[in-house]
Structures are given as C-alpha cells and as structure tokens.
Amino acid sequence: MDITMITGIAASLFTSVALLPQLLKIFREKNSDGVSLGMLLVLFTGLALWTVYGILRKDVIIIAANSFSLLVNILTGIMTLRYRKRD
C-alpha cells in the first residue's frame, strides 16, 4: 500500500464520519434547531455525485466512503426534520 492509497483511505474515513457527531447530538437531545437543511441538501447532492463518480471510475474507496456519508447525511436530514421545533 503506497502513500497515495493511505492518504485516500484516511481522507475517506474522516469525511465519512464528519456528520456522526451532529447526528448523535440530534438523537441525544431530540432537538435539531441549529441544523441547516440547506447545508444538508447541498452536502447530499455532492455526496450523491461523488458516489456516481466513484461508480463510473470503479473506485471502491470513493464508492464506499461517499455511500456511507450519504447514509449518515440522509439520517441526519430525517432526524433534523423529525426533531425540528414547530412554532
């Protein structure tokens, strides 16, 4: 395994788990008032495109990392809508 592969795997791991703390915070507090749905939508679009890109390039690391990130993003979006306070 060369430095390029190690760097790609490390980057994938960090970006894949980036939203997990936010998701866990929403779940624990049952409150999502500070979460931007616009940011989640933009991130969702980017992750979906990265996943397609990985499929087109047949790059397992890109596919796996962005698919996992996409799942976490979807769950964060669902939890954000579920726990958003209504006025």
Protein backbone atom coordinates (compact mmCIF):
# COMPACT_ATOMS: atom_id res chain seq x y z
CA MET A 1 0.00 0.00 0.00
CA ASP A 2 1.51 3.32 -1.06
CA ILE A 3 1.18 6.82 0.40
CA THR A 4 -1.50 7.77 -2.14
CA MET A 5 -3.73 4.88 -1.07
CA ILE A 6 -3.15 5.57 2.63
CA THR A 7 -3.98 9.25 2.13
CA GLY A 8 -7.17 8.37 0.24
CA ILE A 9 -8.31 5.93 2.91
CA ALA A 10 -7.57 8.41 5.73
CA ALA A 11 -9.42 11.21 3.92
CA SER A 12 -12.36 8.87 3.30
CA LEU A 13 -12.55 7.87 6.95
CA PHE A 14 -12.55 11.44 8.23
CA THR A 15 -15.09 12.74 5.73
CA SER A 16 -17.30 9.68 6.21
CA VAL A 17 -17.67 10.23 9.94
CA ALA A 18 -17.83 14.04 9.83
CA LEU A 19 -21.62 14.21 10.37
CA LEU A 20 -21.79 11.46 13.00
CA PRO A 21 -21.29 13.83 15.98
CA GLN A 22 -24.14 16.05 14.68
CA LEU A 23 -26.41 13.04 14.16
CA LEU A 24 -25.67 11.73 17.67
CA LYS A 25 -26.27 15.18 19.18
CA ILE A 26 -29.66 15.48 17.49
CA PHE A 27 -30.58 11.97 18.63
CA ARG A 28 -29.50 12.53 22.25
CA GLU A 29 -31.05 15.98 22.65
CA LYS A 30 -34.14 15.37 20.47
CA ASN A 31 -33.55 18.88 19.10
CA SER A 32 -32.30 19.96 15.69
CA ASP A 33 -32.94 23.70 15.75
CA GLY A 34 -29.36 24.66 14.85
CA VAL A 35 -29.05 22.38 11.82
CA SER A 36 -29.28 23.91 8.35
CA LEU A 37 -31.46 21.91 5.95
CA GLY A 38 -29.91 23.89 3.08
CA MET A 39 -26.43 22.70 4.06
CA LEU A 40 -27.66 19.12 4.28
CA LEU A 41 -29.25 19.36 0.83
CA VAL A 42 -26.05 20.74 -0.74
CA LEU A 43 -23.98 18.07 1.03
CA PHE A 44 -26.44 15.35 -0.08
CA THR A 45 -26.10 16.47 -3.70
CA GLY A 46 -22.30 16.50 -3.51
CA LEU A 47 -22.14 13.07 -1.86
CA ALA A 48 -24.55 11.58 -4.39
CA LEU A 49 -22.43 12.95 -7.24
CA TRP A 50 -19.21 11.64 -5.64
CA THR A 51 -20.83 8.21 -5.32
CA VAL A 52 -21.80 8.23 -9.01
CA TYR A 53 -18.29 9.41 -9.88
CA GLY A 54 -16.83 6.51 -7.89
CA ILE A 55 -19.11 4.06 -9.67
CA LEU A 56 -18.11 5.44 -13.07
CA ARG A 57 -14.42 5.18 -12.14
CA LYS A 58 -14.92 1.79 -10.45
CA ASP A 59 -13.15 3.14 -7.35
CA VAL A 60 -14.23 1.15 -4.29
CA ILE A 61 -12.83 3.66 -1.78
CA ILE A 62 -14.77 6.57 -3.29
CA ILE A 63 -17.94 4.49 -3.56
CA ALA A 64 -17.78 3.13 0.00
CA ALA A 65 -16.82 6.39 1.69
CA ASN A 66 -19.40 8.51 -0.08
CA SER A 67 -22.17 5.91 0.19
CA PHE A 68 -21.64 5.76 3.96
CA SER A 69 -21.52 9.56 4.16
CA LEU A 70 -24.70 9.74 2.09
CA LEU A 71 -26.45 7.38 4.51
CA VAL A 72 -25.37 9.46 7.52
CA ASN A 73 -26.49 12.62 5.68
CA ILE A 74 -29.92 11.11 4.95
CA LEU A 75 -30.33 10.03 8.58
CA THR A 76 -29.28 13.49 9.77
CA GLY A 77 -31.85 15.06 7.45
CA ILE A 78 -34.60 12.77 8.69
CA MET A 79 -33.71 13.41 12.33
CA THR A 80 -33.47 17.16 11.66
CA LEU A 81 -36.99 17.23 10.26
CA ARG A 82 -38.33 14.97 13.00
CA TYR A 83 -36.91 16.98 15.91
CA ARG A 84 -37.32 20.48 14.50
CA LYS A 85 -39.39 22.60 16.88
CA ARG A 86 -42.61 23.91 15.40
CA ASP A 87 -43.72 27.48 16.18
